[in-house]
C-alpha cells in the first residue's frame, strides 16, 4: 500500500472573482506547498490583489475553490484561518500613539479572543515575533515615531505573533525607499529559510520579485499567464506581453538575478 501524500498547504482551483462589476479572476489555479516563497506579478488591474484577498478568505470567489491543508477555506471559521494564515494589506493602519509592542499583541487575538487574559504562551509568542522581525529595541516606540521601514517590520512582527504557517503580503515594499525595500525583502526571505514560513507576496517591482522569490506567478487580465522560476518568467518577450513595453533583461554575473532596462531603440 502506498503512503498517503499530504495535501498542499494552499490550493486554488478554477477561481473566478469580481472586483466591482468587473471579473477580476478567470479560471485561476495555484498550488502553494509548505516552505515556499512565491511572488505574484502583473500589470495594474491584472487581479493580483483580488487573488491575494481570495486566498486570505477576505473575498469569496464567485466560482472555484480554495483549500487550506486540504480543507475548504470557507468551511473554516475566520479565527481558525487566522491561526494559520496572516495577511498584510498594502497600507495597514493603526493609531499613531500605539506602541510597537501593543500592535504586536493584536496578533494574538486569533489564539485568545478579544477579552481573554493573556497567557505566558502569548507573551512568549510576542517576544519571539519582536525579535524575529528585528523590532525588539523599538517595542516601546509609538508607531507615529517610526520610519516607513521600521513601521513595516512592526506589522510583520504582528503577523508573526499569529504564529502562522502562511504569510500573505500585498505589495509590502510600497512607500518604502530602496534601502528599506531590500531590508524588508531580505527579512521575508530569512523568515522563509530559517523559520520555514511560507510566504506569498504581490510585488510591483518585477526585478526585486525575481531576486528574492524562487517562483513567480504572472497574471494578465485575470488569468495566469506564467508560473515558474524567475529565469523562465522574466524574459523580454514575456515582459512585453505583460506590460506592453520593450524591455531588455540582463543578469547579475554573480547572483544571476535579472536587471530590467529599456531595450535600445
C-alpha atoms as a PDB file:
ATOM      1  CA  UNK A   1       0.000   0.000   0.000  1.00  0.00           C
ATOM      2  CA  UNK A   2       1.457   3.340  -0.995  1.00  0.00           C
ATOM      3  CA  UNK A   3       1.954   6.037   1.626  1.00  0.00           C
ATOM      4  CA  UNK A   4      -0.627   8.816   1.601  1.00  0.00           C
ATOM      5  CA  UNK A   5       0.526  12.150   0.217  1.00  0.00           C
ATOM      6  CA  UNK A   6      -0.114  15.206   2.365  1.00  0.00           C
ATOM      7  CA  UNK A   7      -2.210  17.896   0.660  1.00  0.00           C
ATOM      8  CA  UNK A   8      -0.520  21.175  -0.298  1.00  0.00           C
ATOM      9  CA  UNK A   9      -0.671  23.964   2.245  1.00  0.00           C
ATOM     10  CA  UNK A  10      -2.821  26.109  -0.045  1.00  0.00           C
ATOM     11  CA  UNK A  11      -4.547  25.282  -3.303  1.00  0.00           C
ATOM     12  CA  UNK A  12      -6.823  27.285  -5.569  1.00  0.00           C
ATOM     13  CA  UNK A  13      -8.777  25.542  -8.311  1.00  0.00           C
ATOM     14  CA  UNK A  14     -10.636  27.297 -11.112  1.00  0.00           C
ATOM     15  CA  UNK A  15     -11.087  30.567  -9.251  1.00  0.00           C
ATOM     16  CA  UNK A  16     -13.370  33.269 -10.565  1.00  0.00           C
ATOM     17  CA  UNK A  17     -13.816  36.510  -8.621  1.00  0.00           C
ATOM     18  CA  UNK A  18     -15.118  40.009  -9.246  1.00  0.00           C
ATOM     19  CA  UNK A  19     -13.813  43.458  -8.452  1.00  0.00           C
ATOM     20  CA  UNK A  20     -16.912  45.635  -8.525  1.00  0.00           C
ATOM     21  CA  UNK A  21     -18.659  44.795 -11.775  1.00  0.00           C
ATOM     22  CA  UNK A  22     -15.506  43.541 -13.467  1.00  0.00           C
ATOM     23  CA  UNK A  23     -14.423  39.898 -13.496  1.00  0.00           C
ATOM     24  CA  UNK A  24     -11.014  40.153 -11.868  1.00  0.00           C
ATOM     25  CA  UNK A  25     -10.043  36.457 -11.776  1.00  0.00           C
ATOM     26  CA  UNK A  26     -10.808  33.993 -14.552  1.00  0.00           C
ATOM     27  CA  UNK A  27     -10.182  30.263 -14.017  1.00  0.00           C
ATOM     28  CA  UNK A  28      -7.120  30.804 -11.806  1.00  0.00           C
ATOM     29  CA  UNK A  29      -5.481  27.710 -10.325  1.00  0.00           C
ATOM     30  CA  UNK A  30      -2.486  27.750  -7.997  1.00  0.00           C
ATOM     31  CA  UNK A  31      -0.745  25.397  -5.563  1.00  0.00           C
ATOM     32  CA  UNK A  32       1.488  26.566  -2.710  1.00  0.00           C
ATOM     33  CA  UNK A  33       3.471  23.938  -0.821  1.00  0.00           C
ATOM     34  CA  UNK A  34       4.864  24.184   2.698  1.00  0.00           C
ATOM     35  CA  UNK A  35       8.006  26.331   2.876  1.00  0.00           C
ATOM     36  CA  UNK A  36       7.606  28.068  -0.488  1.00  0.00           C
ATOM     37  CA  UNK A  37       8.350  31.704  -1.275  1.00  0.00           C
ATOM     38  CA  UNK A  38       6.191  32.872  -4.168  1.00  0.00           C
ATOM     39  CA  UNK A  39       5.875  36.285  -5.820  1.00  0.00           C
ATOM     40  CA  UNK A  40       2.786  37.280  -7.793  1.00  0.00           C
ATOM     41  CA  UNK A  41       3.396  39.872 -10.518  1.00  0.00           C
ATOM     42  CA  UNK A  42       1.426  41.527 -13.289  1.00  0.00           C
ATOM     43  CA  UNK A  43       0.310  44.938 -14.539  1.00  0.00           C
ATOM     44  CA  UNK A  44      -2.164  47.131 -12.681  1.00  0.00           C
ATOM     45  CA  UNK A  45      -5.657  45.675 -12.855  1.00  0.00           C
ATOM     46  CA  UNK A  46      -4.425  42.150 -13.566  1.00  0.00           C
ATOM     47  CA  UNK A  47      -6.112  40.678 -10.473  1.00  0.00           C
ATOM     48  CA  UNK A  48      -3.111  40.362  -8.134  1.00  0.00           C
ATOM     49  CA  UNK A  49      -4.697  41.897  -5.031  1.00  0.00           C
ATOM     50  CA  UNK A  50      -8.025  40.175  -5.690  1.00  0.00           C
ATOM     51  CA  UNK A  51      -6.245  36.831  -5.835  1.00  0.00           C
ATOM     52  CA  UNK A  52      -4.436  37.513  -2.552  1.00  0.00           C
ATOM     53  CA  UNK A  53      -7.665  38.573  -0.818  1.00  0.00           C
ATOM     54  CA  UNK A  54      -9.374  35.434  -2.083  1.00  0.00           C
ATOM     55  CA  UNK A  55      -6.546  33.255  -0.775  1.00  0.00           C
ATOM     56  CA  UNK A  56      -6.807  35.046   2.586  1.00  0.00           C
ATOM     57  CA  UNK A  57     -10.561  34.322   2.908  1.00  0.00           C
ATOM     58  CA  UNK A  58     -11.308  38.031   2.696  1.00  0.00           C
ATOM     59  CA  UNK A  59     -13.218  37.751  -0.587  1.00  0.00           C
ATOM     60  CA  UNK A  60     -15.381  34.823  -1.553  1.00  0.00           C
ATOM     61  CA  UNK A  61     -14.843  33.623  -5.129  1.00  0.00           C
ATOM     62  CA  UNK A  62     -17.829  33.521  -7.464  1.00  0.00           C
ATOM     63  CA  UNK A  63     -16.691  30.084  -8.654  1.00  0.00           C
ATOM     64  CA  UNK A  64     -13.928  27.642  -7.875  1.00  0.00           C
ATOM     65  CA  UNK A  65     -12.459  26.663  -4.519  1.00  0.00           C
ATOM     66  CA  UNK A  66      -9.575  27.416  -2.174  1.00  0.00           C
ATOM     67  CA  UNK A  67      -8.349  24.769   0.267  1.00  0.00           C
ATOM     68  CA  UNK A  68      -6.053  25.141   3.254  1.00  0.00           C
ATOM     69  CA  UNK A  69      -4.377  21.870   4.124  1.00  0.00           C
ATOM     70  CA  UNK A  70      -6.982  20.086   2.014  1.00  0.00           C
ATOM     71  CA  UNK A  71      -9.969  21.712   3.783  1.00  0.00           C
ATOM     72  CA  UNK A  72     -12.256  24.190   2.023  1.00  0.00           C
ATOM     73  CA  UNK A  73     -11.257  27.660   3.215  1.00  0.00           C
ATOM     74  CA  UNK A  74     -14.865  28.777   3.589  1.00  0.00           C
ATOM     75  CA  UNK A  75     -15.726  25.751   5.715  1.00  0.00           C
ATOM     76  CA  UNK A  76     -13.294  27.106   8.334  1.00  0.00           C
ATOM     77  CA  UNK A  77     -14.105  29.951  10.699  1.00  0.00           C
ATOM     78  CA  UNK A  78     -12.278  33.276  10.294  1.00  0.00           C
ATOM     79  CA  UNK A  79     -10.468  32.636  13.584  1.00  0.00           C
ATOM     80  CA  UNK A  80      -9.363  29.159  12.501  1.00  0.00           C
ATOM     81  CA  UNK A  81      -7.939  30.621   9.300  1.00  0.00           C
ATOM     82  CA  UNK A  82      -6.239  33.479  11.187  1.00  0.00           C
ATOM     83  CA  UNK A  83      -4.409  30.947  13.348  1.00  0.00           C
ATOM     84  CA  UNK A  84      -2.737  29.571  10.235  1.00  0.00           C
ATOM     85  CA  UNK A  85      -2.739  32.440   7.721  1.00  0.00           C
ATOM     86  CA  UNK A  86      -1.594  36.030   8.303  1.00  0.00           C
ATOM     87  CA  UNK A  87      -2.480  38.732   5.789  1.00  0.00           C
ATOM     88  CA  UNK A  88      -0.819  42.156   5.490  1.00  0.00           C
ATOM     89  CA  UNK A  89      -2.587  44.628   3.182  1.00  0.00           C
ATOM     90  CA  UNK A  90      -0.757  47.201   1.122  1.00  0.00           C
ATOM     91  CA  UNK A  91      -1.133  50.086   3.581  1.00  0.00           C
ATOM     92  CA  UNK A  92      -2.133  48.807   7.044  1.00  0.00           C
ATOM     93  CA  UNK A  93      -3.221  51.458   9.526  1.00  0.00           C
ATOM     94  CA  UNK A  94      -3.194  51.765  13.313  1.00  0.00           C
ATOM     95  CA  UNK A  95      -3.327  54.687  15.779  1.00  0.00           C
ATOM     96  CA  UNK A  96      -0.076  56.664  15.722  1.00  0.00           C
ATOM     97  CA  UNK A  97       0.241  56.568  19.526  1.00  0.00           C
ATOM     98  CA  UNK A  98       0.055  52.753  19.667  1.00  0.00           C
ATOM     99  CA  UNK A  99       3.426  51.299  20.632  1.00  0.00           C
ATOM    100  CA  UNK A 100       5.111  48.584  18.614  1.00  0.00           C
ATOM    101  CA  UNK A 101       4.589  46.036  21.376  1.00  0.00           C
ATOM    102  CA  UNK A 102       0.912  46.953  21.708  1.00  0.00           C
ATOM    103  CA  UNK A 103       0.488  46.491  17.963  1.00  0.00           C
ATOM    104  CA  UNK A 104       2.169  43.093  18.005  1.00  0.00           C
ATOM    105  CA  UNK A 105      -0.095  41.904  20.830  1.00  0.00           C
ATOM    106  CA  UNK A 106      -3.008  42.245  18.396  1.00  0.00           C
ATOM    107  CA  UNK A 107      -1.566  39.256  16.571  1.00  0.00           C
ATOM    108  CA  UNK A 108      -2.565  37.045  19.495  1.00  0.00           C
ATOM    109  CA  UNK A 109      -6.320  37.661  19.154  1.00  0.00           C
ATOM    110  CA  UNK A 110      -6.941  34.585  16.962  1.00  0.00           C
ATOM    111  CA  UNK A 111      -5.485  32.438  19.758  1.00  0.00           C
ATOM    112  CA  UNK A 112      -7.048  34.041  22.853  1.00  0.00           C
ATOM    113  CA  UNK A 113     -10.003  36.177  21.756  1.00  0.00           C
ATOM    114  CA  UNK A 114     -10.586  39.872  22.311  1.00  0.00           C
ATOM    115  CA  UNK A 115     -11.387  39.720  26.048  1.00  0.00           C
ATOM    116  CA  UNK A 116      -9.471  36.679  27.277  1.00  0.00           C
ATOM    117  CA  UNK A 117      -6.487  37.466  29.544  1.00  0.00           C
ATOM    118  CA  UNK A 118      -3.037  36.910  28.040  1.00  0.00           C
ATOM    119  CA  UNK A 119      -1.140  33.752  28.863  1.00  0.00           C
ATOM    120  CA  UNK A 120       2.561  33.027  29.198  1.00  0.00           C
ATOM    121  CA  UNK A 121       2.382  31.415  25.734  1.00  0.00           C
ATOM    122  CA  UNK A 122       1.001  34.677  24.318  1.00  0.00           C
ATOM    123  CA  UNK A 123       3.825  36.656  25.904  1.00  0.00           C
ATOM    124  CA  UNK A 124       6.435  34.250  24.551  1.00  0.00           C
ATOM    125  CA  UNK A 125       4.949  34.469  21.049  1.00  0.00           C
ATOM    126  CA  UNK A 126       5.021  38.285  21.133  1.00  0.00           C
ATOM    127  CA  UNK A 127       8.619  38.265  22.371  1.00  0.00           C
ATOM    128  CA  UNK A 128       9.673  35.920  19.569  1.00  0.00           C
ATOM    129  CA  UNK A 129       7.840  37.966  16.942  1.00  0.00           C
ATOM    130  CA  UNK A 130       9.525  41.198  18.041  1.00  0.00           C
ATOM    131  CA  UNK A 131      12.945  39.534  17.877  1.00  0.00           C
ATOM    132  CA  UNK A 132      12.390  37.759  14.553  1.00  0.00           C
ATOM    133  CA  UNK A 133      11.185  40.966  12.869  1.00  0.00           C
ATOM    134  CA  UNK A 134      14.102  42.940  14.293  1.00  0.00           C
ATOM    135  CA  UNK A 135      11.956  45.424  16.228  1.00  0.00           C
ATOM    136  CA  UNK A 136      12.657  44.315  19.796  1.00  0.00           C
ATOM    137  CA  UNK A 137      14.524  47.552  20.583  1.00  0.00           C
ATOM    138  CA  UNK A 138      11.569  49.532  19.189  1.00  0.00           C
ATOM    139  CA  UNK A 139       8.940  47.837  21.350  1.00  0.00           C
ATOM    140  CA  UNK A 140       8.162  50.973  23.408  1.00  0.00           C
ATOM    141  CA  UNK A 141       8.152  53.375  20.464  1.00  0.00           C
ATOM    142  CA  UNK A 142       4.824  54.781  19.187  1.00  0.00           C
ATOM    143  CA  UNK A 143       4.121  53.877  15.577  1.00  0.00           C
ATOM    144  CA  UNK A 144       3.959  57.561  14.658  1.00  0.00           C
ATOM    145  CA  UNK A 145       7.653  57.993  15.508  1.00  0.00           C
ATOM    146  CA  UNK A 146       8.885  55.180  13.251  1.00  0.00           C
ATOM    147  CA  UNK A 147      10.338  55.337   9.770  1.00  0.00           C
ATOM    148  CA  UNK A 148       8.454  53.604   6.983  1.00  0.00           C
ATOM    149  CA  UNK A 149      10.768  50.604   7.093  1.00  0.00           C
ATOM    150  CA  UNK A 150      10.527  50.281  10.876  1.00  0.00           C
ATOM    151  CA  UNK A 151       6.750  50.522  10.742  1.00  0.00           C
ATOM    152  CA  UNK A 152       6.516  47.811   8.098  1.00  0.00           C
ATOM    153  CA  UNK A 153       8.704  45.485  10.172  1.00  0.00           C
ATOM    154  CA  UNK A 154       6.401  46.147  13.137  1.00  0.00           C
ATOM    155  CA  UNK A 155       3.459  44.961  11.032  1.00  0.00           C
ATOM    156  CA  UNK A 156       5.434  41.865  10.040  1.00  0.00           C
ATOM    157  CA  UNK A 157       6.004  41.249  13.769  1.00  0.00           C
ATOM    158  CA  UNK A 158       2.239  41.431  14.329  1.00  0.00           C
ATOM    159  CA  UNK A 159       1.766  38.809  11.617  1.00  0.00           C
ATOM    160  CA  UNK A 160       4.456  36.602  13.170  1.00  0.00           C
ATOM    161  CA  UNK A 161       2.729  36.821  16.558  1.00  0.00           C
ATOM    162  CA  UNK A 162      -0.168  34.947  14.955  1.00  0.00           C
ATOM    163  CA  UNK A 163       2.275  32.030  14.561  1.00  0.00           C
ATOM    164  CA  UNK A 164       1.028  31.423  11.011  1.00  0.00           C
ATOM    165  CA  UNK A 165       2.075  28.737   8.586  1.00  0.00           C
ATOM    166  CA  UNK A 166       1.440  31.116   5.684  1.00  0.00           C
ATOM    167  CA  UNK A 167       2.102  34.847   5.334  1.00  0.00           C
ATOM    168  CA  UNK A 168       0.320  36.754   2.545  1.00  0.00           C
ATOM    169  CA  UNK A 169       1.552  40.275   1.736  1.00  0.00           C
ATOM    170  CA  UNK A 170       0.121  42.782  -0.742  1.00  0.00           C
ATOM    171  CA  UNK A 171       2.943  44.904  -2.198  1.00  0.00           C
ATOM    172  CA  UNK A 172       4.879  45.068   1.101  1.00  0.00           C
ATOM    173  CA  UNK A 173       7.544  47.465  -0.252  1.00  0.00           C
ATOM    174  CA  UNK A 174       5.100  50.191  -1.334  1.00  0.00           C
ATOM    175  CA  UNK A 175       6.075  53.627   0.051  1.00  0.00           C
ATOM    176  CA  UNK A 176       9.499  52.369   1.204  1.00  0.00           C
ATOM    177  CA  UNK A 177      12.792  53.753  -0.075  1.00  0.00           C
ATOM    178  CA  UNK A 178      15.171  51.418  -1.890  1.00  0.00           C
ATOM    179  CA  UNK A 179      17.231  50.524   1.168  1.00  0.00           C
ATOM    180  CA  UNK A 180      14.196  49.651   3.282  1.00  0.00           C
ATOM    181  CA  UNK A 181      12.682  47.696   0.388  1.00  0.00           C
ATOM    182  CA  UNK A 182      15.657  45.353   0.267  1.00  0.00           C
ATOM    183  CA  UNK A 183      15.833  45.193   4.063  1.00  0.00           C
ATOM    184  CA  UNK A 184      12.233  44.030   4.248  1.00  0.00           C
ATOM    185  CA  UNK A 185      12.559  41.533   1.410  1.00  0.00           C
ATOM    186  CA  UNK A 186      15.724  40.116   2.984  1.00  0.00           C
ATOM    187  CA  UNK A 187      13.797  39.713   6.257  1.00  0.00           C
ATOM    188  CA  UNK A 188      10.999  37.819   4.499  1.00  0.00           C
ATOM    189  CA  UNK A 189      13.481  35.569   2.726  1.00  0.00           C
ATOM    190  CA  UNK A 190      15.258  34.892   6.035  1.00  0.00           C
ATOM    191  CA  UNK A 191      11.994  34.013   7.774  1.00  0.00           C
ATOM    192  CA  UNK A 192      11.193  31.681   4.902  1.00  0.00           C
ATOM    193  CA  UNK A 193      14.595  29.982   5.035  1.00  0.00           C
ATOM    194  CA  UNK A 194      15.164  29.846   8.796  1.00  0.00           C
ATOM    195  CA  UNK A 195      11.610  29.577  10.168  1.00  0.00           C
ATOM    196  CA  UNK A 196      10.101  27.643   7.252  1.00  0.00           C
ATOM    197  CA  UNK A 197       7.426  30.310   6.965  1.00  0.00           C
ATOM    198  CA  UNK A 198       5.561  30.003   3.677  1.00  0.00           C
ATOM    199  CA  UNK A 199       5.375  33.416   2.005  1.00  0.00           C
ATOM    200  CA  UNK A 200       3.194  34.599  -0.888  1.00  0.00           C
ATOM    201  CA  UNK A 201       3.585  38.250  -1.831  1.00  0.00           C
ATOM    202  CA  UNK A 202       2.222  40.511  -4.533  1.00  0.00           C
ATOM    203  CA  UNK A 203       5.105  42.507  -5.987  1.00  0.00           C
ATOM    204  CA  UNK A 204       5.138  45.607  -8.164  1.00  0.00           C
ATOM    205  CA  UNK A 205       8.880  45.521  -8.909  1.00  0.00           C
ATOM    206  CA  UNK A 206       9.498  42.529 -11.167  1.00  0.00           C
ATOM    207  CA  UNK A 207      13.286  42.582 -10.786  1.00  0.00           C
ATOM    208  CA  UNK A 208      13.015  42.573  -6.993  1.00  0.00           C
ATOM    209  CA  UNK A 209      10.500  39.754  -7.136  1.00  0.00           C
ATOM    210  CA  UNK A 210      12.858  37.714  -9.285  1.00  0.00           C
ATOM    211  CA  UNK A 211      15.776  38.405  -6.942  1.00  0.00           C
ATOM    212  CA  UNK A 212      14.017  37.246  -3.778  1.00  0.00           C
ATOM    213  CA  UNK A 213      11.426  34.660  -4.877  1.00  0.00           C
ATOM    214  CA  UNK A 214      12.359  31.227  -6.290  1.00  0.00           C
ATOM    215  CA  UNK A 215       8.962  31.015  -8.007  1.00  0.00           C
ATOM    216  CA  UNK A 216       6.863  33.656  -9.742  1.00  0.00           C
ATOM    217  CA  UNK A 217       3.286  33.678 -10.947  1.00  0.00           C
ATOM    218  CA  UNK A 218       2.277  36.280 -13.532  1.00  0.00           C
ATOM    219  CA  UNK A 219      -1.305  37.402 -14.018  1.00  0.00           C
ATOM    220  CA  UNK A 220      -2.672  39.190 -17.060  1.00  0.00           C
ATOM    221  CA  UNK A 221      -6.282  40.315 -17.328  1.00  0.00           C
ATOM    222  CA  UNK A 222      -7.288  37.993 -14.517  1.00  0.00           C
ATOM    223  CA  UNK A 223      -5.692  34.855 -15.933  1.00  0.00           C
ATOM    224  CA  UNK A 224      -2.474  33.015 -15.075  1.00  0.00           C
ATOM    225  CA  UNK A 225      -0.053  33.723 -17.897  1.00  0.00           C
ATOM    226  CA  UNK A 226       3.162  32.330 -16.395  1.00  0.00           C
ATOM    227  CA  UNK A 227       4.115  30.191 -13.406  1.00  0.00           C
ATOM    228  CA  UNK A 228       7.682  29.102 -12.789  1.00  0.00           C
ATOM    229  CA  UNK A 229      11.210  30.095 -11.752  1.00  0.00           C
ATOM    230  CA  UNK A 230      12.412  33.657 -12.482  1.00  0.00           C
ATOM    231  CA  UNK A 231      14.644  32.541 -15.359  1.00  0.00           C
ATOM    232  CA  UNK A 232      11.572  31.250 -17.199  1.00  0.00           C
ATOM    233  CA  UNK A 233       9.177  34.043 -16.268  1.00  0.00           C
ATOM    234  CA  UNK A 234      11.343  37.151 -16.624  1.00  0.00           C
ATOM    235  CA  UNK A 235      12.195  37.367 -20.320  1.00  0.00           C
ATOM    236  CA  UNK A 236      11.954  40.262 -22.746  1.00  0.00           C
ATOM    237  CA  UNK A 237       9.141  38.567 -24.638  1.00  0.00           C
ATOM    238  CA  UNK A 238       7.121  37.854 -21.511  1.00  0.00           C
ATOM    239  CA  UNK A 239       7.605  41.398 -20.178  1.00  0.00           C
ATOM    240  CA  UNK A 240       6.406  42.808 -23.494  1.00  0.00           C
ATOM    241  CA  UNK A 241       3.253  40.698 -23.238  1.00  0.00           C
ATOM    242  CA  UNK A 242       2.650  41.617 -19.604  1.00  0.00           C
ATOM    243  CA  UNK A 243       3.453  45.321 -19.656  1.00  0.00           C
ATOM    244  CA  UNK A 244       3.385  46.311 -23.321  1.00  0.00           C
ATOM    245  CA  UNK A 245       6.917  47.704 -23.183  1.00  0.00           C
ATOM    246  CA  UNK A 246      10.173  46.864 -24.943  1.00  0.00           C
ATOM    247  CA  UNK A 247      12.473  45.836 -22.111  1.00  0.00           C
ATOM    248  CA  UNK A 248      15.829  44.090 -22.021  1.00  0.00           C
ATOM    249  CA  UNK A 249      16.703  41.572 -19.332  1.00  0.00           C
ATOM    250  CA  UNK A 250      20.296  41.484 -18.098  1.00  0.00           C
ATOM    251  CA  UNK A 251      21.668  39.169 -15.435  1.00  0.00           C
ATOM    252  CA  UNK A 252      23.957  39.804 -12.494  1.00  0.00           C
ATOM    253  CA  UNK A 253      27.128  37.760 -13.169  1.00  0.00           C
ATOM    254  CA  UNK A 254      27.370  36.681  -9.502  1.00  0.00           C
ATOM    255  CA  UNK A 255      23.792  36.087  -8.341  1.00  0.00           C
ATOM    256  CA  UNK A 256      22.167  35.594 -11.724  1.00  0.00           C
ATOM    257  CA  UNK A 257      19.338  37.920 -10.649  1.00  0.00           C
ATOM    258  CA  UNK A 258      17.739  39.786 -13.550  1.00  0.00           C
ATOM    259  CA  UNK A 259      18.012  43.512 -14.125  1.00  0.00           C
ATOM    260  CA  UNK A 260      15.388  45.082 -16.361  1.00  0.00           C
ATOM    261  CA  UNK A 261      16.245  48.082 -18.515  1.00  0.00           C
ATOM    262  CA  UNK A 262      14.597  49.745 -21.514  1.00  0.00           C
ATOM    263  CA  UNK A 263      15.517  47.976 -24.723  1.00  0.00           C
ATOM    264  CA  UNK A 264      17.610  50.024 -27.170  1.00  0.00           C
ATOM    265  CA  UNK A 265      15.626  51.572 -29.996  1.00  0.00           C
END
